[in-house]
Protein backbone atom coordinates (compact mmCIF):
# COMPACT_ATOMS: atom_id res chain seq x y z
CA MET A 1 -21.57 0.42 -22.08
CA THR A 2 -20.76 0.54 -18.36
CA SER A 3 -18.06 2.87 -17.06
CA ARG A 4 -15.93 -0.15 -16.12
CA LEU A 5 -16.09 -1.65 -19.61
CA LEU A 6 -15.45 1.75 -21.18
CA ALA A 7 -12.37 2.33 -19.03
CA ILE A 8 -10.96 -1.12 -19.76
CA LEU A 9 -11.58 -0.70 -23.49
CA ALA A 10 -9.86 2.70 -23.45
CA VAL A 11 -6.71 1.57 -21.62
CA LYS A 12 -6.43 -1.61 -23.69
CA LYS A 13 -6.67 0.30 -26.98
CA ALA A 14 -4.17 2.88 -25.79
CA GLY A 15 -1.97 0.05 -24.51
CA THR A 16 -1.87 -1.62 -27.92
CA TYR A 17 -0.78 1.69 -29.45
CA LEU A 18 1.91 2.24 -26.80
CA ARG A 19 3.34 -1.25 -27.27
CA GLN A 20 3.70 -0.55 -30.99
CA GLN A 21 5.41 2.77 -30.31
CA PHE A 22 7.66 1.21 -27.66
CA LYS A 23 8.95 -1.35 -30.17
CA ARG A 24 9.93 1.48 -32.52
CA ASP A 25 12.17 2.91 -29.79
CA ALA A 26 11.37 6.51 -30.73
CA LYS A 27 13.89 9.08 -29.47
CA SER A 28 12.07 12.38 -29.95
CA PHE A 29 10.58 14.28 -27.02
CA VAL A 30 9.76 17.82 -25.88
CA LEU A 31 10.54 19.34 -22.48
CA LYS A 32 7.37 20.44 -20.65
CA SER A 33 9.47 21.72 -17.78
CA ALA A 34 13.06 21.40 -16.62
CA HIS A 35 12.45 17.84 -15.40
CA GLU A 36 9.37 16.70 -17.35
CA ILE A 37 9.11 15.47 -20.92
CA VAL A 38 6.32 14.62 -23.34
CA THR A 39 6.55 12.36 -26.38
CA GLN A 40 4.36 11.77 -29.39
CA ALA A 41 3.30 8.53 -27.71
CA ASP A 42 1.75 10.50 -24.80
CA LYS A 43 -0.33 12.51 -27.23
CA GLY A 44 -1.27 9.53 -29.37
CA ALA A 45 -2.47 7.47 -26.41
CA GLU A 46 -4.40 10.45 -25.05
CA LYS A 47 -6.15 10.94 -28.39
CA ILE A 48 -7.37 7.33 -28.34
CA ILE A 49 -8.69 7.55 -24.78
CA LEU A 50 -10.37 10.95 -25.12
CA ALA A 51 -12.13 9.92 -28.32
CA LEU A 52 -13.74 6.97 -26.53
CA LEU A 53 -14.68 8.96 -23.42
CA LYS A 54 -16.24 11.78 -25.43
CA LYS A 55 -18.22 9.29 -27.51
CA HIS A 56 -19.51 7.05 -24.74
CA SER A 57 -19.46 9.29 -21.63
CA THR A 58 -20.74 12.62 -22.92
CA ASN A 59 -22.03 13.93 -19.57
CA ALA A 60 -18.73 13.76 -17.67
CA ARG A 61 -15.90 16.25 -17.26
CA ILE A 62 -12.43 15.12 -18.29
CA LEU A 63 -9.07 16.03 -16.76
CA SER A 64 -6.15 14.78 -18.85
CA GLU A 65 -2.44 15.35 -18.30
CA GLU A 66 -1.64 16.64 -21.78
CA SER A 67 -4.86 18.45 -22.72
CA GLY A 68 -5.99 19.80 -19.35
CA LEU A 69 -9.61 20.10 -18.23
CA TYR A 70 -12.70 19.67 -20.42
CA ASP A 71 -15.01 21.42 -17.99
CA TYR A 72 -18.64 20.46 -18.54
CA ASN A 73 -21.45 21.01 -16.02
CA SER A 74 -21.26 17.63 -14.31
CA ASN A 75 -20.46 16.03 -10.94
CA TRP A 76 -18.65 13.21 -12.78
CA LEU A 77 -14.99 13.53 -13.70
CA TRP A 78 -12.69 11.27 -15.70
CA VAL A 79 -9.00 11.63 -14.81
CA VAL A 80 -6.58 10.48 -17.51
CA ASP A 81 -2.86 9.83 -17.61
CA PRO A 82 -2.30 8.39 -21.10
CA LEU A 83 1.33 7.47 -20.41
CA ASP A 84 2.54 7.42 -16.82
CA GLY A 85 6.26 6.83 -16.86
CA THR A 86 7.13 8.82 -19.97
CA THR A 87 10.82 8.96 -19.06
CA ASN A 88 10.88 5.18 -18.62
CA PHE A 89 9.22 4.85 -22.02
CA ARG A 90 11.73 7.22 -23.59
CA VAL A 91 14.76 5.26 -22.32
CA HIS A 92 13.12 1.92 -23.23
CA ASN A 93 12.29 0.85 -19.67
CA PRO A 94 9.09 -1.26 -19.83
CA LEU A 95 7.69 0.06 -16.51
CA PHE A 96 5.14 2.48 -17.95
CA SER A 97 1.36 2.51 -17.62
CA ILE A 98 -1.98 4.09 -18.42
CA SER A 99 -4.09 5.42 -15.56
CA LEU A 100 -7.81 6.14 -15.85
CA ALA A 101 -10.17 7.02 -13.00
CA LEU A 102 -13.78 8.12 -12.62
CA TYR A 103 -14.75 10.40 -9.73
CA HIS A 104 -18.14 11.57 -8.45
CA ILE A 105 -17.58 15.02 -6.96
CA ASP A 106 -14.55 14.23 -4.73
CA LYS A 107 -15.03 10.45 -4.40
CA PRO A 108 -13.20 7.84 -6.53
CA MET A 109 -15.70 5.38 -7.99
CA LEU A 110 -13.55 3.53 -10.53
CA GLY A 111 -9.80 3.17 -11.00
CA VAL A 112 -7.97 1.34 -13.79
CA VAL A 113 -4.21 1.03 -14.25
CA TYR A 114 -2.82 -0.91 -17.20
CA ALA A 115 0.85 -1.77 -17.74
CA PRO A 116 0.88 -2.67 -21.47
CA TYR A 117 4.31 -4.25 -21.70
CA LEU A 118 3.65 -6.45 -18.65
CA ASP A 119 0.02 -7.00 -19.75
CA GLU A 120 -1.18 -6.35 -16.21
CA LEU A 121 -4.62 -4.80 -15.76
CA PHE A 122 -5.50 -3.49 -12.30
CA VAL A 123 -9.15 -2.56 -11.68
CA ALA A 124 -10.95 -1.24 -8.60
CA GLU A 125 -14.57 -0.21 -8.10
CA LYS A 126 -15.86 1.54 -5.00
CA GLY A 127 -16.99 -1.09 -2.52
CA LYS A 128 -16.16 -4.02 -4.81
CA GLY A 129 -12.48 -4.63 -4.13
CA ALA A 130 -9.48 -4.59 -6.44
CA THR A 131 -8.29 -7.10 -9.03
CA LEU A 132 -5.25 -7.89 -11.18
CA ASN A 133 -6.17 -9.54 -14.46
CA GLY A 134 -9.49 -10.55 -12.93
CA LYS A 135 -8.14 -12.01 -9.67
CA LYS A 136 -8.64 -10.35 -6.29
CA ILE A 137 -5.63 -8.59 -4.82
CA TYR A 138 -4.84 -7.44 -1.29
CA VAL A 139 -2.19 -5.35 0.38
CA SER A 140 0.64 -7.08 2.25
CA LYS A 141 0.51 -8.02 5.93
CA THR A 142 3.99 -6.70 6.72
CA SER A 143 3.92 -4.53 9.83
CA GLU A 144 7.62 -3.86 10.42
CA LEU A 145 9.37 -1.04 8.60
CA LYS A 146 12.66 -2.94 8.53
CA LYS A 147 10.96 -5.74 6.57
CA SER A 148 9.19 -3.39 4.14
CA PHE A 149 9.82 -2.56 0.50
CA LEU A 150 9.14 1.14 -0.08
CA THR A 151 8.87 3.29 -3.21
CA TYR A 152 8.73 7.01 -3.85
CA CYS A 153 7.96 9.55 -6.54
CA TYR A 154 7.68 13.35 -6.63
CA GLY A 155 6.14 16.34 -8.35
CA THR A 156 7.93 18.68 -10.72
CA HIS A 157 8.66 21.54 -8.31
CA PRO A 158 12.23 21.63 -6.90
CA LYS A 159 10.89 21.59 -3.32
CA HIS A 160 9.17 18.26 -4.02
CA MET A 161 12.38 16.84 -5.42
CA ARG A 162 14.38 17.98 -2.40
CA MET A 163 11.85 16.42 -0.06
CA ALA A 164 11.96 13.15 -2.02
CA VAL A 165 15.75 13.04 -1.72
CA GLU A 166 15.48 13.52 2.06
CA LEU A 167 12.82 10.84 2.35
CA TYR A 168 14.95 8.44 0.33
CA ARG A 169 17.98 9.07 2.52
CA TYR A 170 15.98 8.51 5.71
CA PHE A 171 13.89 5.46 4.76
CA LYS A 172 16.53 3.70 2.64
CA MET A 173 18.40 2.84 5.82
CA LYS A 174 15.29 1.83 7.77
CA SER A 175 13.70 -0.59 5.28
CA VAL A 176 14.67 -3.54 3.10
CA ASP A 177 14.82 -1.08 0.21
CA MET A 178 13.39 2.16 -1.09
CA ARG A 179 13.23 2.70 -4.85
CA GLN A 180 11.80 4.95 -7.53
CA MET A 181 10.16 2.84 -10.24
CA GLY A 182 9.28 5.79 -12.47
CA SER A 183 5.51 5.27 -12.73
CA ALA A 184 3.42 6.35 -9.74
CA ALA A 185 0.38 4.50 -11.09
CA ILE A 186 2.32 1.22 -11.21
CA GLU A 187 3.81 1.85 -7.78
CA LEU A 188 0.36 2.42 -6.29
CA ALA A 189 -0.92 -0.74 -8.02
CA TRP A 190 1.98 -2.69 -6.55
CA VAL A 191 1.06 -1.54 -3.04
CA ALA A 192 -2.48 -2.76 -3.74
CA ALA A 193 -1.15 -6.11 -4.96
CA GLY A 194 1.04 -6.62 -1.89
CA ARG A 195 4.30 -6.41 -3.85
CA THR A 196 5.45 -3.36 -1.90
CA GLU A 197 4.36 -1.81 1.37
CA SER A 198 4.15 1.87 0.52
CA ILE A 199 4.70 4.77 -1.83
CA VAL A 200 5.28 8.36 -0.74
CA ILE A 201 4.82 11.22 -3.22
CA PRO A 202 5.49 14.88 -2.41
CA GLY A 203 3.44 17.03 -4.79
CA THR A 204 1.63 14.37 -6.79
CA HIS A 205 -0.48 15.39 -9.78
CA PRO A 206 -4.11 14.17 -9.90
CA TRP A 207 -3.67 12.04 -13.03
CA ASP A 208 -0.72 10.15 -11.50
CA ALA A 209 -2.68 8.91 -8.49
CA ALA A 210 -6.42 9.22 -9.12
CA ALA A 211 -6.84 5.56 -10.08
CA GLY A 212 -4.15 4.15 -7.82
CA VAL A 213 -5.56 5.49 -4.57
CA LEU A 214 -8.78 3.55 -5.13
CA LEU A 215 -6.79 0.41 -5.93
CA VAL A 216 -4.93 0.72 -2.63
CA THR A 217 -7.99 1.39 -0.47
CA GLU A 218 -10.11 -1.29 -2.12
CA ALA A 219 -7.26 -3.78 -1.58
CA GLY A 220 -7.30 -2.98 2.15
CA GLY A 221 -4.65 -0.26 2.32
CA LYS A 222 -4.66 3.36 3.37
CA THR A 223 -4.12 6.68 1.57
CA THR A 224 -3.66 10.08 3.22
CA ASP A 225 -1.89 13.37 2.78
CA PHE A 226 1.21 14.09 4.86
CA SER A 227 -0.87 15.38 7.79
CA GLY A 228 -2.85 12.15 7.99
CA LYS A 229 -6.04 13.48 6.42
CA PRO A 230 -7.79 11.51 3.62
CA TRP A 231 -6.08 12.17 0.28
CA ARG A 232 -8.16 14.35 -2.05
CA PHE A 233 -7.41 16.44 -5.09
CA VAL A 234 -10.93 17.86 -5.54
CA ASP A 235 -12.24 20.41 -3.04
CA LYS A 236 -15.71 19.18 -2.07
CA LYS A 237 -17.06 22.70 -1.48
CA THR A 238 -15.61 24.57 -4.44
CA GLY A 239 -15.00 21.72 -6.89
CA LYS A 240 -11.55 23.14 -7.62
CA ILE A 241 -8.75 20.74 -8.49
CA ARG A 242 -5.51 20.70 -6.51
CA MET A 243 -2.50 20.05 -8.72
CA ASN A 244 0.11 19.23 -6.04
CA ALA A 245 -1.46 17.13 -3.30
CA ASP A 246 1.08 15.18 -1.17
CA LEU A 247 0.26 11.48 -0.97
CA LEU A 248 1.18 8.57 1.28
CA ALA A 249 -0.24 5.18 0.32
CA THR A 250 0.54 2.07 2.36
CA ASN A 251 -0.70 -1.35 3.36
CA GLY A 252 -2.12 0.40 6.44
CA LYS A 253 0.09 -1.50 8.86
CA ILE A 254 3.16 0.74 8.48
CA HIS A 255 1.22 3.92 7.74
CA GLN A 256 1.69 5.64 11.10
CA LYS A 257 5.39 4.77 11.21
CA ILE A 258 5.99 6.58 7.93
CA LEU A 259 3.52 9.37 8.71
CA GLN A 260 5.34 10.22 11.93
CA HIS A 261 8.40 11.19 9.92
CA LEU A 262 6.41 13.05 7.26
CA LYS A 263 4.71 15.20 9.91
């Protein structure tokens, strides 16, 4: 089984499970931090995905949001977010997703984002473009900030939240709109599909963005950190994983205009 087929199988199986759990409207959750929750659905979806990866991709490392790092001796790394948008899921907002990416050292080779309730499957392979339900997608051609639709997200540290609030206040008045959708993976996929022009994330976690950054770049967009350097969460020299790497992803045409303010 190819990595692409394995990833699609994993997110589809997990997606079926999440749709079933979503219909039950479960209320229980546990606080992971002051502003971060986990539900039984997160753990259930993760169990499905990890079982498939461990069975069919035995030589790769795995980094998953709920279970952490399965650190084998390999240059290949799967990055898993079994339920991106847990708070949305908890309050019965259908904008939640599954994000699954495959990296070779520090390079994204495969990215898959699946929104189960919307039944939208986004797939990107290095050098092969990006698709939505099998059809090619491209970033928007909008080049003016005042005509752009922007989104934002943030990490769990208070400093990231404060920065996000400041960014919202600044860009809300300079664009058509700036919103938080509640699932970074979906927001990145929407930039890739040309639905929005950018997403800015202070302190993003690897599992939130690992698949989405490849979707954006393969659809013709651009991803960097807040200094304008290529976005990475794996140190090429040490192999260590950065857990709070600031991310700006855009259609490329408004990138510098947003980056100027971030700098």
